[in-house]
Amino acid sequence: MSLYLNKIRVLTYNNNTTFTNGTLMLGYSDPFDSVGNAPGAVYYANLSVVRIAAPVISKITRAGSNVTINFTSADGTDSASTLKLQKATLVTGPYADDNSAVITQLPDGTYQAATTTAEETQFFRIRK
């Protein structure tokens, strides 16, 4: 789970518990005063919930070791900084972030990832 302010990630939390679904509680007030004093609380303003849709790769071009990947995202909160290119030598993985990849947003709202690879066969995916 990540918290973004103006499309900039400010907090990331990895949920390693068995609790993976249910009701999300936003805000906190300790009714039993067991942690802090009674007036302690957290409040959120202008909060929105967005659908996290997977990006769709529309085109992959390879010229020598240079690879260009065009893709779209249905999530209006995405930006080039919130997306990562991942690659693997097997389709089943393991996939790892390609930190040398450069992702840019094109004028029509789609995205393009550019990278290089020395592998004969390479598999790619986009991570949010």
N, C-alpha and C. Protein backbone atom coordinates (compact mmCIF):
# COMPACT_ATOMS: atom_id res chain seq x y z
N MET A 1 0.85 -1.16 0.00
CA MET A 1 0.00 0.00 0.00
C MET A 1 0.90 1.22 0.00
N SER A 2 0.55 2.20 -0.80
CA SER A 2 1.32 3.43 -0.85
C SER A 2 0.40 4.63 -0.73
N LEU A 3 0.92 5.68 -0.12
CA LEU A 3 0.21 6.95 0.00
C LEU A 3 0.92 7.95 -0.89
N TYR A 4 0.15 8.58 -1.78
CA TYR A 4 0.70 9.56 -2.71
C TYR A 4 0.09 10.93 -2.43
N LEU A 5 0.90 11.95 -2.49
CA LEU A 5 0.43 13.33 -2.43
C LEU A 5 0.86 13.99 -3.73
N ASN A 6 -0.13 14.43 -4.52
CA ASN A 6 0.15 15.03 -5.83
C ASN A 6 1.01 14.12 -6.69
N LYS A 7 0.66 12.84 -6.73
CA LYS A 7 1.33 11.81 -7.53
C LYS A 7 2.77 11.54 -7.10
N ILE A 8 3.15 11.96 -5.90
CA ILE A 8 4.48 11.69 -5.36
C ILE A 8 4.31 10.74 -4.17
N ARG A 9 5.00 9.60 -4.22
CA ARG A 9 4.89 8.62 -3.14
C ARG A 9 5.58 9.17 -1.89
N VAL A 10 4.81 9.23 -0.80
CA VAL A 10 5.36 9.72 0.45
C VAL A 10 5.42 8.63 1.51
N LEU A 11 4.72 7.51 1.28
CA LEU A 11 4.71 6.44 2.27
C LEU A 11 4.39 5.13 1.56
N THR A 12 5.12 4.08 1.93
CA THR A 12 4.82 2.74 1.43
C THR A 12 4.78 1.79 2.61
N TYR A 13 3.76 0.94 2.62
CA TYR A 13 3.61 -0.03 3.69
C TYR A 13 3.38 -1.40 3.08
N ASN A 14 4.19 -2.37 3.43
CA ASN A 14 4.02 -3.74 2.97
C ASN A 14 3.21 -4.51 4.00
N ASN A 15 2.07 -5.00 3.59
CA ASN A 15 1.20 -5.76 4.48
C ASN A 15 1.65 -7.22 4.45
N ASN A 16 2.34 -7.65 5.47
CA ASN A 16 2.82 -9.03 5.57
C ASN A 16 1.97 -9.87 6.51
N THR A 17 0.77 -9.37 6.82
CA THR A 17 -0.10 -10.11 7.72
C THR A 17 -1.05 -10.99 6.91
N THR A 18 -1.87 -11.75 7.61
CA THR A 18 -2.87 -12.58 6.94
C THR A 18 -4.12 -11.77 6.61
N PHE A 19 -4.20 -10.53 7.06
CA PHE A 19 -5.36 -9.68 6.82
C PHE A 19 -5.16 -8.92 5.51
N THR A 20 -5.72 -9.44 4.43
CA THR A 20 -5.50 -8.86 3.11
C THR A 20 -6.75 -8.24 2.51
N ASN A 21 -7.89 -8.31 3.18
CA ASN A 21 -9.10 -7.66 2.68
C ASN A 21 -9.99 -7.30 3.85
N GLY A 22 -10.97 -6.47 3.57
CA GLY A 22 -11.89 -6.05 4.62
C GLY A 22 -12.14 -4.57 4.54
N THR A 23 -12.55 -3.98 5.64
CA THR A 23 -12.89 -2.57 5.69
C THR A 23 -11.66 -1.76 6.04
N LEU A 24 -11.41 -0.74 5.24
CA LEU A 24 -10.27 0.14 5.46
C LEU A 24 -10.65 1.21 6.46
N MET A 25 -9.85 1.37 7.52
CA MET A 25 -10.12 2.39 8.51
C MET A 25 -9.18 3.56 8.25
N LEU A 26 -9.75 4.69 7.93
CA LEU A 26 -8.97 5.90 7.72
C LEU A 26 -9.26 6.84 8.88
N GLY A 27 -8.22 7.21 9.58
CA GLY A 27 -8.41 8.03 10.77
C GLY A 27 -8.25 7.15 11.99
N TYR A 28 -7.94 7.76 13.09
CA TYR A 28 -7.71 6.98 14.30
C TYR A 28 -8.07 7.80 15.52
N SER A 29 -8.76 7.20 16.40
CA SER A 29 -9.00 7.79 17.71
C SER A 29 -9.07 6.63 18.68
N ASP A 30 -8.27 6.67 19.73
CA ASP A 30 -8.20 5.59 20.70
C ASP A 30 -9.28 5.79 21.76
N PRO A 31 -10.39 5.06 21.67
CA PRO A 31 -11.50 5.28 22.61
C PRO A 31 -11.18 4.80 24.03
N PHE A 32 -10.13 4.03 24.19
CA PHE A 32 -9.81 3.49 25.50
C PHE A 32 -8.61 4.17 26.14
N ASP A 33 -8.04 5.17 25.49
CA ASP A 33 -6.87 5.89 26.02
C ASP A 33 -5.72 4.96 26.37
N SER A 34 -5.62 3.83 25.64
CA SER A 34 -4.57 2.87 25.98
C SER A 34 -3.23 3.21 25.35
N VAL A 35 -3.23 4.04 24.31
CA VAL A 35 -1.98 4.38 23.64
C VAL A 35 -1.62 5.83 23.89
N GLY A 36 -2.55 6.71 23.69
CA GLY A 36 -2.30 8.15 23.85
C GLY A 36 -3.39 8.78 24.67
N ASN A 37 -3.37 10.09 24.71
CA ASN A 37 -4.41 10.77 25.47
C ASN A 37 -5.68 10.88 24.63
N ALA A 38 -6.80 11.16 25.26
CA ALA A 38 -8.12 11.12 24.62
C ALA A 38 -8.25 12.02 23.38
N PRO A 39 -7.72 13.23 23.35
CA PRO A 39 -7.94 14.06 22.16
C PRO A 39 -7.05 13.70 20.96
N GLY A 40 -6.16 12.72 21.09
CA GLY A 40 -5.29 12.34 19.99
C GLY A 40 -6.06 11.70 18.86
N ALA A 41 -5.82 12.12 17.61
CA ALA A 41 -6.54 11.56 16.47
C ALA A 41 -5.81 11.90 15.18
N VAL A 42 -6.22 11.27 14.08
CA VAL A 42 -5.71 11.57 12.75
C VAL A 42 -6.91 11.88 11.87
N TYR A 43 -6.80 12.92 11.06
CA TYR A 43 -7.89 13.29 10.16
C TYR A 43 -7.35 13.44 8.76
N TYR A 44 -8.13 13.01 7.75
CA TYR A 44 -7.74 13.12 6.35
C TYR A 44 -8.73 14.04 5.65
N ALA A 45 -8.23 14.84 4.73
CA ALA A 45 -9.10 15.70 3.94
C ALA A 45 -8.83 15.46 2.46
N ASN A 46 -9.83 15.61 1.64
CA ASN A 46 -9.71 15.48 0.18
C ASN A 46 -9.13 14.13 -0.21
N LEU A 47 -9.64 13.09 0.36
CA LEU A 47 -9.17 11.74 0.11
C LEU A 47 -9.96 11.13 -1.03
N SER A 48 -9.28 10.43 -1.92
CA SER A 48 -9.99 9.74 -2.99
C SER A 48 -9.51 8.30 -3.07
N VAL A 49 -10.42 7.43 -3.46
CA VAL A 49 -10.09 6.03 -3.65
C VAL A 49 -10.10 5.79 -5.15
N VAL A 50 -9.02 5.22 -5.66
CA VAL A 50 -8.91 4.99 -7.10
C VAL A 50 -8.76 3.51 -7.38
N ARG A 51 -9.23 3.10 -8.53
CA ARG A 51 -9.11 1.72 -8.96
C ARG A 51 -7.68 1.49 -9.43
N ILE A 52 -7.07 0.44 -8.96
CA ILE A 52 -5.71 0.12 -9.37
C ILE A 52 -5.81 -0.88 -10.51
N ALA A 53 -5.73 -0.36 -11.71
CA ALA A 53 -5.82 -1.20 -12.90
C ALA A 53 -4.42 -1.47 -13.44
N ALA A 54 -4.22 -2.64 -13.95
CA ALA A 54 -2.91 -2.99 -14.50
C ALA A 54 -2.67 -2.24 -15.80
N PRO A 55 -1.47 -1.71 -16.01
CA PRO A 55 -1.14 -1.09 -17.29
C PRO A 55 -1.19 -2.14 -18.41
N VAL A 56 -1.48 -1.70 -19.64
CA VAL A 56 -1.59 -2.59 -20.79
C VAL A 56 -0.50 -2.25 -21.79
N ILE A 57 0.37 -3.22 -22.06
CA ILE A 57 1.44 -3.03 -23.04
C ILE A 57 0.83 -3.15 -24.44
N SER A 58 1.06 -2.13 -25.27
CA SER A 58 0.48 -2.12 -26.61
C SER A 58 1.51 -2.40 -27.71
N LYS A 59 2.79 -2.17 -27.43
CA LYS A 59 3.80 -2.36 -28.47
C LYS A 59 5.19 -2.51 -27.85
N ILE A 60 5.95 -3.47 -28.36
CA ILE A 60 7.35 -3.64 -27.95
C ILE A 60 8.19 -3.64 -29.22
N THR A 61 9.21 -2.79 -29.24
CA THR A 61 10.12 -2.70 -30.38
C THR A 61 11.53 -2.95 -29.90
N ARG A 62 12.25 -3.80 -30.65
CA ARG A 62 13.64 -4.09 -30.29
C ARG A 62 14.51 -3.82 -31.51
N ALA A 63 15.56 -3.02 -31.30
CA ALA A 63 16.55 -2.73 -32.34
C ALA A 63 17.92 -2.97 -31.72
N GLY A 64 18.52 -4.12 -32.04
CA GLY A 64 19.78 -4.49 -31.39
C GLY A 64 19.53 -4.75 -29.92
N SER A 65 20.22 -4.04 -29.07
CA SER A 65 20.03 -4.21 -27.63
C SER A 65 19.06 -3.18 -27.05
N ASN A 66 18.57 -2.26 -27.88
CA ASN A 66 17.63 -1.23 -27.41
C ASN A 66 16.20 -1.73 -27.50
N VAL A 67 15.45 -1.55 -26.41
CA VAL A 67 14.06 -1.99 -26.35
C VAL A 67 13.18 -0.79 -25.98
N THR A 68 12.08 -0.62 -26.72
CA THR A 68 11.10 0.42 -26.43
C THR A 68 9.75 -0.24 -26.23
N ILE A 69 9.09 0.11 -25.13
CA ILE A 69 7.80 -0.50 -24.78
C ILE A 69 6.78 0.62 -24.62
N ASN A 70 5.70 0.56 -25.40
CA ASN A 70 4.62 1.51 -25.28
C ASN A 70 3.48 0.86 -24.50
N PHE A 71 2.86 1.62 -23.60
CA PHE A 71 1.77 1.07 -22.81
C PHE A 71 0.83 2.17 -22.35
N THR A 72 -0.35 1.77 -21.93
CA THR A 72 -1.35 2.69 -21.41
C THR A 72 -1.70 2.30 -19.99
N SER A 73 -2.24 3.27 -19.27
CA SER A 73 -2.72 3.02 -17.91
C SER A 73 -4.10 3.62 -17.77
N ALA A 74 -5.03 2.86 -17.23
CA ALA A 74 -6.39 3.35 -17.01
C ALA A 74 -6.49 4.14 -15.72
N ASP A 75 -5.44 4.13 -14.92
CA ASP A 75 -5.43 4.82 -13.63
C ASP A 75 -4.98 6.26 -13.84
N GLY A 76 -5.87 7.19 -13.62
CA GLY A 76 -5.56 8.60 -13.83
C GLY A 76 -4.57 9.18 -12.85
N THR A 77 -4.24 8.44 -11.79
CA THR A 77 -3.27 8.95 -10.82
C THR A 77 -1.84 8.56 -11.17
N ASP A 78 -1.67 7.74 -12.22
CA ASP A 78 -0.31 7.32 -12.59
C ASP A 78 0.48 8.48 -13.16
N SER A 79 1.78 8.40 -12.98
CA SER A 79 2.73 9.31 -13.61
C SER A 79 3.96 8.46 -13.92
N ALA A 80 4.88 9.01 -14.68
CA ALA A 80 6.09 8.25 -15.03
C ALA A 80 6.84 7.80 -13.78
N SER A 81 6.77 8.57 -12.71
CA SER A 81 7.51 8.21 -11.49
C SER A 81 6.83 7.11 -10.67
N THR A 82 5.55 6.81 -10.95
CA THR A 82 4.85 5.78 -10.18
C THR A 82 4.88 4.42 -10.88
N LEU A 83 5.53 4.35 -12.04
CA LEU A 83 5.58 3.12 -12.82
C LEU A 83 7.01 2.62 -12.93
N LYS A 84 7.19 1.31 -12.98
CA LYS A 84 8.51 0.69 -13.11
C LYS A 84 8.44 -0.40 -14.17
N LEU A 85 9.51 -0.54 -14.93
CA LEU A 85 9.65 -1.64 -15.87
C LEU A 85 10.35 -2.78 -15.15
N GLN A 86 9.82 -3.99 -15.31
CA GLN A 86 10.45 -5.18 -14.75
C GLN A 86 10.79 -6.12 -15.89
N LYS A 87 11.84 -6.92 -15.69
CA LYS A 87 12.22 -7.87 -16.74
C LYS A 87 12.68 -9.18 -16.12
N ALA A 88 12.61 -10.24 -16.96
CA ALA A 88 13.03 -11.57 -16.55
C ALA A 88 13.46 -12.34 -17.79
N THR A 89 14.28 -13.36 -17.60
CA THR A 89 14.70 -14.19 -18.73
C THR A 89 13.73 -15.35 -18.97
N LEU A 90 12.88 -15.64 -17.99
CA LEU A 90 11.83 -16.66 -18.13
C LEU A 90 10.48 -15.98 -17.95
N VAL A 91 9.49 -16.41 -18.70
CA VAL A 91 8.17 -15.79 -18.59
C VAL A 91 7.58 -15.97 -17.19
N THR A 92 7.96 -17.03 -16.50
CA THR A 92 7.47 -17.28 -15.14
C THR A 92 8.26 -16.53 -14.08
N GLY A 93 9.31 -15.81 -14.50
CA GLY A 93 10.10 -15.02 -13.55
C GLY A 93 11.28 -15.78 -13.02
N PRO A 94 11.92 -15.23 -12.03
CA PRO A 94 11.52 -14.07 -11.25
C PRO A 94 11.76 -12.76 -12.01
N TYR A 95 10.84 -11.79 -11.81
CA TYR A 95 10.96 -10.47 -12.39
C TYR A 95 11.65 -9.53 -11.41
N ALA A 96 12.45 -8.63 -11.94
CA ALA A 96 13.15 -7.64 -11.11
C ALA A 96 13.02 -6.27 -11.78
N ASP A 97 13.00 -5.23 -10.96
CA ASP A 97 12.95 -3.87 -11.49
C ASP A 97 14.16 -3.60 -12.36
N ASP A 98 13.94 -2.98 -13.50
CA ASP A 98 15.02 -2.54 -14.38
C ASP A 98 15.27 -1.08 -14.06
N ASN A 99 16.23 -0.84 -13.17
CA ASN A 99 16.50 0.53 -12.71
C ASN A 99 17.16 1.39 -13.77
N SER A 100 17.60 0.81 -14.86
CA SER A 100 18.19 1.62 -15.94
C SER A 100 17.12 2.06 -16.94
N ALA A 101 15.91 1.54 -16.84
CA ALA A 101 14.83 1.90 -17.76
C ALA A 101 14.37 3.33 -17.50
N VAL A 102 14.05 4.02 -18.58
CA VAL A 102 13.53 5.39 -18.49
C VAL A 102 12.09 5.37 -18.98
N ILE A 103 11.17 5.80 -18.11
CA ILE A 103 9.75 5.83 -18.46
C ILE A 103 9.33 7.28 -18.62
N THR A 104 8.69 7.57 -19.76
CA THR A 104 8.21 8.93 -20.03
C THR A 104 6.74 8.88 -20.42
N GLN A 105 6.05 9.97 -20.11
CA GLN A 105 4.65 10.08 -20.53
C GLN A 105 4.63 10.84 -21.85
N LEU A 106 3.96 10.27 -22.84
CA LEU A 106 3.88 10.86 -24.17
C LEU A 106 2.74 11.88 -24.22
N PRO A 107 2.75 12.78 -25.19
CA PRO A 107 1.72 13.83 -25.27
C PRO A 107 0.29 13.30 -25.34
N ASP A 108 0.09 12.10 -25.88
CA ASP A 108 -1.27 11.56 -25.98
C ASP A 108 -1.74 10.86 -24.70
N GLY A 109 -0.93 10.92 -23.63
CA GLY A 109 -1.30 10.32 -22.36
C GLY A 109 -0.81 8.90 -22.16
N THR A 110 -0.26 8.28 -23.21
CA THR A 110 0.31 6.94 -23.06
C THR A 110 1.72 7.08 -22.50
N TYR A 111 2.34 5.95 -22.24
CA TYR A 111 3.68 5.94 -21.66
C TYR A 111 4.63 5.15 -22.56
N GLN A 112 5.92 5.42 -22.38
CA GLN A 112 6.94 4.69 -23.11
C GLN A 112 8.10 4.40 -22.17
N ALA A 113 8.54 3.14 -22.19
CA ALA A 113 9.70 2.72 -21.40
C ALA A 113 10.82 2.37 -22.37
N ALA A 114 12.00 2.86 -22.11
CA ALA A 114 13.16 2.57 -22.95
C ALA A 114 14.24 1.96 -22.08
N THR A 115 14.84 0.88 -22.58
CA THR A 115 15.88 0.19 -21.84
C THR A 115 16.78 -0.55 -22.83
N THR A 116 17.78 -1.22 -22.30
CA THR A 116 18.65 -2.07 -23.12
C THR A 116 18.72 -3.45 -22.48
N THR A 117 19.00 -4.44 -23.31
CA THR A 117 19.16 -5.80 -22.81
C THR A 117 20.17 -6.53 -23.67
N ALA A 118 20.97 -7.34 -23.03
CA ALA A 118 21.94 -8.17 -23.74
C ALA A 118 21.41 -9.58 -23.93
N GLU A 119 20.27 -9.89 -23.33
CA GLU A 119 19.68 -11.23 -23.40
C GLU A 119 19.04 -11.46 -24.76
N GLU A 120 19.16 -12.69 -25.27
CA GLU A 120 18.50 -13.05 -26.52
C GLU A 120 16.97 -13.05 -26.35
N THR A 121 16.51 -13.61 -25.23
CA THR A 121 15.09 -13.63 -24.91
C THR A 121 14.89 -12.88 -23.61
N GLN A 122 13.93 -11.97 -23.61
CA GLN A 122 13.66 -11.14 -22.43
C GLN A 122 12.16 -10.90 -22.33
N PHE A 123 11.62 -11.00 -21.13
CA PHE A 123 10.20 -10.78 -20.88
C PHE A 123 10.06 -9.53 -20.01
N PHE A 124 9.02 -8.73 -20.29
CA PHE A 124 8.83 -7.46 -19.59
C PHE A 124 7.44 -7.38 -19.01
N ARG A 125 7.31 -6.60 -17.96
CA ARG A 125 6.01 -6.23 -17.42
C ARG A 125 6.15 -4.86 -16.75
N ILE A 126 5.03 -4.21 -16.56
CA ILE A 126 5.01 -2.89 -15.94
C ILE A 126 4.46 -3.04 -14.53
N ARG A 127 5.14 -2.44 -13.58
CA ARG A 127 4.73 -2.48 -12.16
C ARG A 127 4.34 -1.09 -11.73
N LYS A 128 3.28 -1.03 -10.93
CA LYS A 128 2.87 0.26 -10.33
C LYS A 128 3.47 0.39 -8.97
